[in-house]
Amino acid sequence: MLERVTVVGSGTMGEAFVKGLLGREILDAGQIVATDALPERRAAMKETYGVLVTEDNGEAVAGADVVVLAVKPQVVRRVLDSINGRMERHQLVITIVAGIPIATVVERMHHLAVVRAMPNTPGQIGQGATVWTATTQVTPLQREQTGAILRALGVEVYVDDERYLDAATALSGSGPAYVYLFYEALVDAGVHIGFSRHQAEELVYHTIVGSLAFLKQSGKHPAELRNGVTSPGGTTTEALLEMEDSRLRAGIIKGVAAAYRRSIALGKGAF
């Protein structure tokens, strides 16, 4: 049973963890400590959620069952140094720092019980997707606790090879940006052919949400559903031909691959 969780870094994803833990009633506000270097963020976290706040990371991790590292790769060295030697062996570290390998966290903190996870921003409303893995020193109980914490953000997927974490960073971690870009493009297309922007946004939003809901409910392969909309010589056929000619599919694949390479590079360049 969790008694205390410390979230180091109160940015977008750090706040999502706090909101999820409280919303799912996993912990009470008095059982959560949130840290941040910015006074305004600490004040906002305290006012909005009633959690304990501090700028002292070393102080914050004392007594925590789980410490969540939710900071940017650019500052992770300083953050790890601030809590190095301040943690007990039984405490669990969950790092969501993009691109930073578990080995780096273990070496820098001299701490063995580490989970590396990659959530995404829809976790802010409990609709996220998180991929995670763990060192062998993470106990079965700590794995259960990790699953419970990550499910507060949405679905969680365990993998037994850390290489999938950089892949998850590129696919699901950055994925919302790809979806928003596609959404924007469809709205712009609607405006281009005569709809008002408001009308286009309404149509595109419900088209995307409804299509995904139908995909999940039907259990069919997306290609099968796409074929159901695509009549021979029809409008959809013409549209898809233009999109494929513009290498839409190849562009998406290349973009995700580029994000994957960048995630690996960030990990190598942080130390």
Protein backbone atom coordinates (compact mmCIF):
# COMPACT_ATOMS: atom_id res chain seq x y z
CA MET A 1 0.00 0.00 0.00
CA LEU A 2 1.33 3.41 -0.95
CA GLU A 3 1.81 5.91 1.84
CA ARG A 4 3.69 8.70 0.10
CA VAL A 5 4.68 9.69 -3.42
CA THR A 6 7.07 12.50 -4.35
CA VAL A 7 6.82 14.06 -7.79
CA VAL A 8 10.03 15.85 -8.74
CA GLY A 9 9.10 18.45 -11.33
CA SER A 10 5.64 20.05 -11.46
CA GLY A 11 5.37 20.72 -15.17
CA THR A 12 2.72 19.29 -17.48
CA MET A 13 3.36 15.62 -16.78
CA GLY A 14 4.30 16.05 -13.13
CA GLU A 15 0.97 17.76 -12.57
CA ALA A 16 -0.76 14.96 -14.50
CA PHE A 17 0.61 12.41 -12.01
CA VAL A 18 -0.64 14.46 -9.07
CA LYS A 19 -4.06 14.96 -10.66
CA GLY A 20 -4.34 11.26 -11.52
CA LEU A 21 -3.32 10.02 -8.08
CA LEU A 22 -5.89 12.27 -6.45
CA GLY A 23 -8.60 11.70 -9.05
CA ARG A 24 -8.34 7.91 -8.77
CA GLU A 25 -8.21 8.26 -4.97
CA ILE A 26 -4.94 6.36 -4.80
CA LEU A 27 -3.57 8.92 -2.36
CA ASP A 28 -4.78 11.94 -0.42
CA ALA A 29 -3.25 15.37 -0.97
CA GLY A 30 -1.29 15.12 2.27
CA GLN A 31 0.47 12.00 0.96
CA ILE A 32 1.91 13.73 -2.11
CA VAL A 33 4.93 16.01 -2.29
CA ALA A 34 5.55 18.06 -5.43
CA THR A 35 8.77 19.91 -6.14
CA ASP A 36 9.64 22.60 -8.64
CA ALA A 37 12.34 25.22 -9.09
CA LEU A 38 9.76 27.90 -9.91
CA PRO A 39 7.91 29.49 -6.96
CA GLU A 40 4.83 30.14 -9.09
CA ARG A 41 4.53 26.45 -10.01
CA ARG A 42 4.85 25.38 -6.38
CA ALA A 43 2.18 27.90 -5.39
CA ALA A 44 -0.12 26.70 -8.17
CA MET A 45 0.26 23.05 -7.15
CA LYS A 46 -0.47 23.83 -3.51
CA GLU A 47 -3.46 26.02 -4.31
CA THR A 48 -4.98 23.71 -6.94
CA TYR A 49 -4.40 20.31 -5.36
CA GLY A 50 -3.52 20.97 -1.72
CA VAL A 51 -0.37 18.85 -1.92
CA LEU A 52 2.84 19.50 -0.01
CA VAL A 53 5.37 21.52 -2.00
CA THR A 54 9.08 22.32 -1.77
CA GLU A 55 12.00 23.37 -3.92
CA ASP A 56 14.36 21.01 -2.07
CA ASN A 57 14.42 17.72 -3.97
CA GLY A 58 16.59 16.01 -1.38
CA GLU A 59 14.16 16.92 1.37
CA ALA A 60 11.18 15.85 -0.74
CA VAL A 61 12.34 12.28 -1.40
CA ALA A 62 12.85 11.44 2.28
CA GLY A 63 10.22 8.94 3.41
CA ALA A 64 8.59 8.52 -0.01
CA ASP A 65 7.60 5.05 -1.18
CA VAL A 66 7.87 6.20 -4.79
CA VAL A 67 9.76 9.10 -6.35
CA VAL A 68 8.61 10.18 -9.82
CA LEU A 69 11.19 12.06 -11.87
CA ALA A 70 9.18 14.32 -14.19
CA VAL A 71 11.75 16.80 -15.46
CA LYS A 72 13.23 17.76 -18.82
CA PRO A 73 16.34 15.95 -20.11
CA GLN A 74 18.21 19.26 -20.10
CA VAL A 75 18.03 19.54 -16.29
CA VAL A 76 18.08 15.88 -15.30
CA ARG A 77 21.77 15.89 -14.36
CA ARG A 78 21.25 18.62 -11.78
CA VAL A 79 18.11 16.94 -10.46
CA LEU A 80 19.75 13.52 -10.09
CA ASP A 81 22.71 15.10 -8.31
CA SER A 82 20.32 16.84 -5.91
CA ILE A 83 18.90 13.52 -4.67
CA ASN A 84 21.99 11.35 -5.03
CA GLY A 85 22.64 9.60 -1.73
CA ARG A 86 19.35 10.79 -0.24
CA MET A 87 17.29 7.67 -0.96
CA GLU A 88 16.94 4.35 0.84
CA ARG A 89 17.28 1.00 -0.94
CA HIS A 90 13.59 0.16 -0.53
CA GLN A 91 12.39 3.30 -2.31
CA LEU A 92 11.26 3.11 -5.92
CA VAL A 93 12.23 5.62 -8.62
CA ILE A 94 9.97 6.08 -11.64
CA THR A 95 11.65 8.18 -14.29
CA ILE A 96 9.73 9.63 -17.22
CA VAL A 97 12.67 11.71 -18.47
CA ALA A 98 12.72 11.33 -22.25
CA GLY A 99 15.76 9.55 -23.68
CA ILE A 100 17.60 8.92 -20.40
CA PRO A 101 18.49 5.22 -19.99
CA ILE A 102 17.92 3.39 -16.73
CA ALA A 103 21.66 2.72 -16.43
CA THR A 104 22.32 6.45 -16.34
CA VAL A 105 19.81 6.99 -13.54
CA VAL A 106 21.16 4.04 -11.56
CA GLU A 107 24.77 5.17 -11.95
CA ARG A 108 24.08 8.82 -11.19
CA MET A 109 21.89 8.13 -8.14
CA HIS A 110 23.60 4.96 -6.91
CA HIS A 111 20.12 3.47 -6.65
CA LEU A 112 18.99 0.14 -8.15
CA ALA A 113 15.18 0.03 -7.93
CA VAL A 114 14.28 2.05 -11.03
CA VAL A 115 11.33 2.04 -13.43
CA ARG A 116 11.59 3.90 -16.71
CA ALA A 117 8.26 4.99 -18.20
CA MET A 118 7.07 7.04 -21.15
CA PRO A 119 3.59 8.53 -20.72
CA ASN A 120 1.93 11.04 -23.03
CA THR A 121 0.00 14.27 -22.52
CA PRO A 122 -3.55 12.81 -22.71
CA GLY A 123 -2.62 11.40 -19.32
CA GLN A 124 -3.66 14.81 -18.02
CA ILE A 125 -7.28 13.70 -18.45
CA GLY A 126 -6.74 10.02 -17.67
CA GLN A 127 -6.75 9.05 -21.35
CA GLY A 128 -3.01 8.57 -21.85
CA ALA A 129 -0.83 5.66 -22.86
CA THR A 130 2.31 4.74 -20.94
CA VAL A 131 5.01 2.19 -21.78
CA TRP A 132 7.31 1.09 -18.96
CA THR A 133 10.02 -1.32 -17.90
CA ALA A 134 11.91 -2.02 -14.69
CA THR A 135 15.22 -3.18 -13.27
CA THR A 136 15.41 -6.62 -11.70
CA GLN A 137 15.70 -4.97 -8.28
CA VAL A 138 12.11 -3.67 -8.53
CA THR A 139 10.02 -5.99 -6.36
CA PRO A 140 6.69 -7.58 -7.39
CA LEU A 141 4.91 -5.23 -4.99
CA GLN A 142 6.65 -2.22 -6.52
CA ARG A 143 5.63 -3.42 -9.99
CA GLU A 144 2.02 -3.53 -8.80
CA GLN A 145 2.39 -0.03 -7.36
CA THR A 146 3.90 1.18 -10.63
CA GLY A 147 0.97 -0.23 -12.59
CA ALA A 148 -1.53 1.46 -10.27
CA ILE A 149 0.24 4.82 -10.52
CA LEU A 150 0.52 4.67 -14.30
CA ARG A 151 -3.11 3.59 -14.73
CA ALA A 152 -4.05 6.87 -13.07
CA LEU A 153 -2.93 8.41 -16.37
CA GLY A 154 -4.72 5.90 -18.65
CA VAL A 155 -3.54 2.57 -20.07
CA GLU A 156 -0.12 1.13 -19.22
CA VAL A 157 1.94 -1.35 -21.22
CA TYR A 158 4.89 -3.23 -19.69
CA VAL A 159 7.82 -4.22 -21.91
CA ASP A 160 10.77 -6.38 -20.94
CA ASP A 161 13.35 -4.56 -23.08
CA GLU A 162 14.33 -0.95 -22.47
CA ARG A 163 14.89 -0.28 -26.16
CA TYR A 164 11.12 -0.01 -26.51
CA LEU A 165 11.14 3.10 -24.34
CA ASP A 166 12.85 5.22 -26.98
CA ALA A 167 10.43 3.76 -29.50
CA ALA A 168 7.50 4.66 -27.22
CA THR A 169 8.86 8.19 -26.89
CA ALA A 170 8.69 8.53 -30.66
CA LEU A 171 5.35 6.78 -31.18
CA SER A 172 3.01 7.43 -28.26
CA GLY A 173 4.99 10.07 -26.37
CA SER A 174 5.18 12.42 -29.34
CA GLY A 175 2.07 10.89 -30.90
CA PRO A 176 -0.44 13.53 -29.75
CA ALA A 177 1.47 16.14 -31.77
CA TYR A 178 1.04 14.05 -34.91
CA VAL A 179 -2.69 13.72 -34.25
CA TYR A 180 -3.06 17.48 -33.69
CA LEU A 181 -1.18 18.19 -36.92
CA PHE A 182 -3.52 15.89 -38.85
CA TYR A 183 -6.51 17.55 -37.16
CA GLU A 184 -5.22 21.01 -38.13
CA ALA A 185 -4.64 19.90 -41.71
CA LEU A 186 -8.18 18.53 -42.04
CA VAL A 187 -9.64 21.73 -40.60
CA ASP A 188 -7.57 23.83 -43.01
CA ALA A 189 -8.78 21.62 -45.85
CA GLY A 190 -12.39 22.20 -44.77
CA VAL A 191 -11.87 25.95 -44.76
CA HIS A 192 -10.19 25.71 -48.14
CA ILE A 193 -13.25 24.10 -49.72
CA GLY A 194 -15.73 26.55 -48.20
CA PHE A 195 -16.65 25.77 -44.59
CA SER A 196 -16.22 28.35 -41.85
CA ARG A 197 -13.43 27.45 -39.44
CA HIS A 198 -15.94 26.76 -36.70
CA GLN A 199 -17.92 24.42 -38.93
CA ALA A 200 -14.77 22.65 -40.11
CA GLU A 201 -13.52 22.16 -36.55
CA GLU A 202 -16.86 20.70 -35.48
CA LEU A 203 -16.97 18.28 -38.40
CA VAL A 204 -13.32 17.21 -38.10
CA TYR A 205 -13.42 16.72 -34.33
CA HIS A 206 -16.45 14.43 -34.42
CA THR A 207 -15.18 12.64 -37.51
CA ILE A 208 -11.93 11.73 -35.75
CA VAL A 209 -13.48 10.86 -32.39
CA GLY A 210 -16.31 8.87 -33.98
CA SER A 211 -13.99 7.01 -36.33
CA LEU A 212 -11.70 5.92 -33.49
CA ALA A 213 -14.64 4.86 -31.34
CA PHE A 214 -16.02 2.83 -34.27
CA LEU A 215 -12.60 1.27 -34.86
CA LYS A 216 -12.37 0.14 -31.24
CA GLN A 217 -15.95 -1.11 -31.07
CA SER A 218 -15.83 -2.98 -34.37
CA GLY A 219 -12.63 -4.89 -33.64
CA LYS A 220 -11.81 -4.72 -37.33
CA HIS A 221 -8.51 -3.81 -38.97
CA PRO A 222 -8.43 -0.11 -39.96
CA ALA A 223 -7.74 -1.08 -43.57
CA GLU A 224 -11.02 -3.01 -43.62
CA LEU A 225 -12.93 0.00 -42.33
CA ARG A 226 -11.12 2.29 -44.76
CA ASN A 227 -12.10 0.01 -47.63
CA GLY A 228 -15.69 0.26 -46.47
CA VAL A 229 -15.62 4.01 -47.09
CA THR A 230 -13.70 3.78 -50.35
CA SER A 231 -15.94 3.16 -53.35
CA PRO A 232 -14.34 2.37 -56.73
CA GLY A 233 -13.84 5.59 -58.68
CA GLY A 234 -15.39 7.62 -55.85
CA THR A 235 -14.44 10.72 -53.90
CA THR A 236 -12.57 8.88 -51.13
CA THR A 237 -10.53 6.97 -53.69
CA GLU A 238 -9.49 10.23 -55.29
CA ALA A 239 -8.57 11.78 -51.94
CA LEU A 240 -6.52 8.79 -50.80
CA LEU A 241 -4.70 8.68 -54.14
CA GLU A 242 -3.62 12.31 -53.70
CA MET A 243 -2.54 11.70 -50.10
CA GLU A 244 -0.50 8.64 -51.02
CA ASP A 245 1.00 10.55 -53.94
CA SER A 246 2.04 13.22 -51.44
CA ARG A 247 3.73 10.45 -49.43
CA LEU A 248 1.58 11.04 -46.35
CA ARG A 249 2.14 7.53 -45.02
CA ALA A 250 5.89 7.64 -45.72
CA GLY A 251 6.13 11.06 -44.08
CA ILE A 252 4.50 9.78 -40.91
CA ILE A 253 6.80 6.76 -40.75
CA LYS A 254 9.88 8.90 -41.40
CA GLY A 255 8.78 11.41 -38.78
CA VAL A 256 8.35 8.76 -36.08
CA ALA A 257 11.73 7.24 -37.02
CA ALA A 258 13.33 10.69 -36.71
CA ALA A 259 11.79 11.14 -33.27
CA TYR A 260 13.15 7.72 -32.27
CA ARG A 261 16.68 8.72 -33.30
CA ARG A 262 16.34 12.02 -31.47
CA SER A 263 15.23 10.28 -28.29
CA ILE A 264 18.37 8.14 -28.36
CA ALA A 265 20.53 11.20 -29.06
CA LEU A 266 19.00 13.12 -26.13
CA GLY A 267 19.93 10.30 -23.81
CA LYS A 268 23.52 10.31 -25.02
CA GLY A 269 23.86 14.09 -24.89
CA ALA A 270 22.42 14.68 -21.42
CA PHE A 271 25.61 13.53 -19.62
